[in-house]
Structures are given as C-alpha cells and as structure tokens.
Amino acid sequence: MGPTTTNPWLIALINMTIVFAVLAALGGIMNLIKIVDPTQKKSAKPAVAPAAAPRAAAPVAKKNDAEVMAVIAAAVAAYGYSSSQIACVSRLSAAGWSQNARIEAISARKECF
C-alpha cells in the first residue's frame, strides 16, 4: 500500500463521489425494477364514457346546533375549563379557517426569529 493521504479536501471529494455513485446506482436499479416489474398492471386505454348530465345539488341538511354546542362545551371541559367560561360561540364562514391559518403562519414565523 502507498502512503495514506491526510488531505481533507481529497478525502471529502472521494467520499462524495462514492455517495453519489451509490445513489445513481440505486436510481438505476429502481428504474430497472419499474420497467421489469411483473406485478405492475398493464394499463389499458380507458374507454371514453359519455358525459353524464349534471345533477342538481343535494339539499344541505340543517345541522343540530344544540348538539354542536354540547360538543364544544365538552371539548372545553376536557381542557379543564368550565362551560360557564365560554363567552360566545358563533359560526365562522369557510374563510375564517384560511384567515386563522394565515395568522398562525405569521405568528409562527415571528417566533422563529
């Protein structure tokens, strides 16, 4: 054997070359398995079905607000608060969820810095 090299840049280059060569080999093996895979179902061309007439929207069932309030009160009680501490419960539109997500993302971003 020859002399052992102590150059850190050469060692890093050799190690990274080996890692990427192994990754490329694994990628090639995965592509080969994808081509040769006997369990893969053969894709048949789907038959074009005639377009169905659009159906009328189903009527929205009215939700039981008393049941929803009971569930909210139970959830608050599970956290250790009493139901008398609930000041107000009101329905939010669907936009309320996205607005809350934006506020949470901004506050989480502020906590990171």
C-alpha atoms as a PDB file:
ATOM      1  CA  MET A   1       0.000   0.000   0.000  1.00  0.00           C
ATOM      2  CA  GLY A   2       1.081   3.525  -0.663  1.00  0.00           C
ATOM      3  CA  PRO A   3       1.224   6.388   1.763  1.00  0.00           C
ATOM      4  CA  THR A   4      -2.023   7.381   3.494  1.00  0.00           C
ATOM      5  CA  THR A   5      -3.369  10.739   2.389  1.00  0.00           C
ATOM      6  CA  THR A   6      -4.265  13.319   5.002  1.00  0.00           C
ATOM      7  CA  ASN A   7      -5.601  15.973   2.646  1.00  0.00           C
ATOM      8  CA  PRO A   8      -9.168  16.646   3.908  1.00  0.00           C
ATOM      9  CA  TRP A   9     -10.348  18.021   0.544  1.00  0.00           C
ATOM     10  CA  LEU A  10      -9.265  14.901  -1.284  1.00  0.00           C
ATOM     11  CA  ILE A  11     -10.936  12.668   1.307  1.00  0.00           C
ATOM     12  CA  ALA A  12     -14.166  14.712   1.063  1.00  0.00           C
ATOM     13  CA  LEU A  13     -14.080  14.514  -2.741  1.00  0.00           C
ATOM     14  CA  ILE A  14     -13.601  10.741  -2.681  1.00  0.00           C
ATOM     15  CA  ASN A  15     -16.396  10.269  -0.124  1.00  0.00           C
ATOM     16  CA  MET A  16     -18.857  12.454  -2.027  1.00  0.00           C
ATOM     17  CA  THR A  17     -18.027  10.665  -5.280  1.00  0.00           C
ATOM     18  CA  ILE A  18     -18.742   7.306  -3.664  1.00  0.00           C
ATOM     19  CA  VAL A  19     -22.027   8.540  -2.152  1.00  0.00           C
ATOM     20  CA  PHE A  20     -23.332   9.975  -5.425  1.00  0.00           C
ATOM     21  CA  ALA A  21     -22.214   6.912  -7.376  1.00  0.00           C
ATOM     22  CA  VAL A  22     -24.189   4.690  -4.993  1.00  0.00           C
ATOM     23  CA  LEU A  23     -27.216   6.998  -5.274  1.00  0.00           C
ATOM     24  CA  ALA A  24     -27.024   6.879  -9.077  1.00  0.00           C
ATOM     25  CA  ALA A  25     -26.752   3.077  -8.955  1.00  0.00           C
ATOM     26  CA  LEU A  26     -29.797   2.848  -6.678  1.00  0.00           C
ATOM     27  CA  GLY A  27     -31.733   5.140  -9.027  1.00  0.00           C
ATOM     28  CA  GLY A  28     -30.804   2.910 -11.957  1.00  0.00           C
ATOM     29  CA  ILE A  29     -31.897  -0.198 -10.055  1.00  0.00           C
ATOM     30  CA  MET A  30     -35.234   1.457  -9.219  1.00  0.00           C
ATOM     31  CA  ASN A  31     -35.804   2.363 -12.874  1.00  0.00           C
ATOM     32  CA  LEU A  32     -34.910  -1.176 -13.931  1.00  0.00           C
ATOM     33  CA  ILE A  33     -37.347  -2.657 -11.414  1.00  0.00           C
ATOM     34  CA  LYS A  34     -40.015  -0.237 -12.635  1.00  0.00           C
ATOM     35  CA  ILE A  35     -39.537  -1.489 -16.195  1.00  0.00           C
ATOM     36  CA  VAL A  36     -39.281  -5.207 -15.388  1.00  0.00           C
ATOM     37  CA  ASP A  37     -41.847  -5.335 -12.540  1.00  0.00           C
ATOM     38  CA  PRO A  38     -44.149  -8.329 -13.206  1.00  0.00           C
ATOM     39  CA  THR A  39     -46.720  -7.220 -10.631  1.00  0.00           C
ATOM     40  CA  GLN A  40     -47.402  -3.964 -12.422  1.00  0.00           C
ATOM     41  CA  LYS A  41     -50.822  -3.936 -14.032  1.00  0.00           C
ATOM     42  CA  LYS A  42     -50.872  -3.307 -17.731  1.00  0.00           C
ATOM     43  CA  SER A  43     -52.596  -0.039 -18.455  1.00  0.00           C
ATOM     44  CA  ALA A  44     -55.403  -0.399 -20.945  1.00  0.00           C
ATOM     45  CA  LYS A  45     -56.692   2.628 -22.735  1.00  0.00           C
ATOM     46  CA  PRO A  46     -59.780   3.789 -20.860  1.00  0.00           C
ATOM     47  CA  ALA A  47     -62.979   3.837 -22.851  1.00  0.00           C
ATOM     48  CA  VAL A  48     -64.464   7.271 -23.197  1.00  0.00           C
ATOM     49  CA  ALA A  49     -67.783   7.304 -21.382  1.00  0.00           C
ATOM     50  CA  PRO A  50     -70.473   9.737 -22.458  1.00  0.00           C
ATOM     51  CA  ALA A  51     -70.679  12.756 -20.213  1.00  0.00           C
ATOM     52  CA  ALA A  52     -73.433  12.454 -17.659  1.00  0.00           C
ATOM     53  CA  ALA A  53     -75.877  15.280 -17.228  1.00  0.00           C
ATOM     54  CA  PRO A  54     -75.044  17.404 -14.188  1.00  0.00           C
ATOM     55  CA  ARG A  55     -77.191  16.536 -11.226  1.00  0.00           C
ATOM     56  CA  ALA A  56     -78.893  19.122  -9.106  1.00  0.00           C
ATOM     57  CA  ALA A  57     -77.141  19.912  -5.855  1.00  0.00           C
ATOM     58  CA  ALA A  58     -78.411  17.910  -2.928  1.00  0.00           C
ATOM     59  CA  PRO A  59     -80.141  19.972  -0.277  1.00  0.00           C
ATOM     60  CA  VAL A  60     -77.873  20.716   2.657  1.00  0.00           C
ATOM     61  CA  ALA A  61     -79.067  19.068   5.830  1.00  0.00           C
ATOM     62  CA  LYS A  62     -79.548  21.524   8.656  1.00  0.00           C
ATOM     63  CA  LYS A  63     -77.131  20.843  11.472  1.00  0.00           C
ATOM     64  CA  ASN A  64     -78.276  20.409  15.024  1.00  0.00           C
ATOM     65  CA  ASP A  65     -76.831  23.473  16.773  1.00  0.00           C
ATOM     66  CA  ALA A  66     -77.609  22.144  20.240  1.00  0.00           C
ATOM     67  CA  GLU A  67     -75.526  19.058  19.579  1.00  0.00           C
ATOM     68  CA  VAL A  68     -72.655  21.154  18.215  1.00  0.00           C
ATOM     69  CA  MET A  69     -72.769  23.395  21.302  1.00  0.00           C
ATOM     70  CA  ALA A  70     -72.685  20.339  23.553  1.00  0.00           C
ATOM     71  CA  VAL A  71     -69.627  19.004  21.736  1.00  0.00           C
ATOM     72  CA  ILE A  72     -67.856  22.369  22.028  1.00  0.00           C
ATOM     73  CA  ALA A  73     -68.679  22.580  25.737  1.00  0.00           C
ATOM     74  CA  ALA A  74     -67.390  19.033  26.244  1.00  0.00           C
ATOM     75  CA  ALA A  75     -64.160  19.874  24.428  1.00  0.00           C
ATOM     76  CA  VAL A  76     -63.653  22.963  26.584  1.00  0.00           C
ATOM     77  CA  ALA A  77     -64.382  20.926  29.714  1.00  0.00           C
ATOM     78  CA  ALA A  78     -61.852  18.315  28.581  1.00  0.00           C
ATOM     79  CA  TYR A  79     -59.205  21.042  28.592  1.00  0.00           C
ATOM     80  CA  GLY A  80     -60.039  21.778  32.218  1.00  0.00           C
ATOM     81  CA  TYR A  81     -62.215  24.852  31.862  1.00  0.00           C
ATOM     82  CA  SER A  82     -65.839  25.100  32.894  1.00  0.00           C
ATOM     83  CA  SER A  83     -68.563  25.694  30.343  1.00  0.00           C
ATOM     84  CA  SER A  84     -69.512  28.896  32.166  1.00  0.00           C
ATOM     85  CA  GLN A  85     -66.235  30.424  30.976  1.00  0.00           C
ATOM     86  CA  ILE A  86     -67.357  30.266  27.338  1.00  0.00           C
ATOM     87  CA  ALA A  87     -68.263  33.815  26.385  1.00  0.00           C
ATOM     88  CA  CYS A  88     -69.529  33.301  22.855  1.00  0.00           C
ATOM     89  CA  VAL A  89     -69.729  30.589  20.233  1.00  0.00           C
ATOM     90  CA  SER A  90     -70.526  31.671  16.711  1.00  0.00           C
ATOM     91  CA  ARG A  91     -70.232  30.109  13.278  1.00  0.00           C
ATOM     92  CA  LEU A  92     -67.431  31.265  11.052  1.00  0.00           C
ATOM     93  CA  SER A  93     -67.553  31.224   7.322  1.00  0.00           C
ATOM     94  CA  ALA A  94     -65.136  28.971   5.495  1.00  0.00           C
ATOM     95  CA  ALA A  95     -62.878  31.997   5.056  1.00  0.00           C
ATOM     96  CA  GLY A  96     -62.348  32.023   8.830  1.00  0.00           C
ATOM     97  CA  TRP A  97     -60.268  28.859   8.618  1.00  0.00           C
ATOM     98  CA  SER A  98     -57.940  30.267   5.980  1.00  0.00           C
ATOM     99  CA  GLN A  99     -57.622  33.552   7.863  1.00  0.00           C
ATOM    100  CA  ASN A 100     -56.721  31.663  11.035  1.00  0.00           C
ATOM    101  CA  ALA A 101     -54.111  29.669   9.105  1.00  0.00           C
ATOM    102  CA  ARG A 102     -52.520  32.880   7.823  1.00  0.00           C
ATOM    103  CA  ILE A 103     -52.414  34.377  11.326  1.00  0.00           C
ATOM    104  CA  GLU A 104     -50.898  31.194  12.737  1.00  0.00           C
ATOM    105  CA  ALA A 105     -48.257  31.081   9.985  1.00  0.00           C
ATOM    106  CA  ILE A 106     -47.267  34.688  10.626  1.00  0.00           C
ATOM    107  CA  SER A 107     -47.072  34.203  14.391  1.00  0.00           C
ATOM    108  CA  ALA A 108     -45.008  31.025  13.951  1.00  0.00           C
ATOM    109  CA  ARG A 109     -42.670  32.903  11.626  1.00  0.00           C
ATOM    110  CA  LYS A 110     -42.224  35.655  14.240  1.00  0.00           C
ATOM    111  CA  GLU A 111     -41.394  33.049  16.891  1.00  0.00           C
ATOM    112  CA  CYS A 112     -38.637  31.607  14.707  1.00  0.00           C
ATOM    113  CA  PHE A 113     -36.722  34.886  14.511  1.00  0.00           C
END
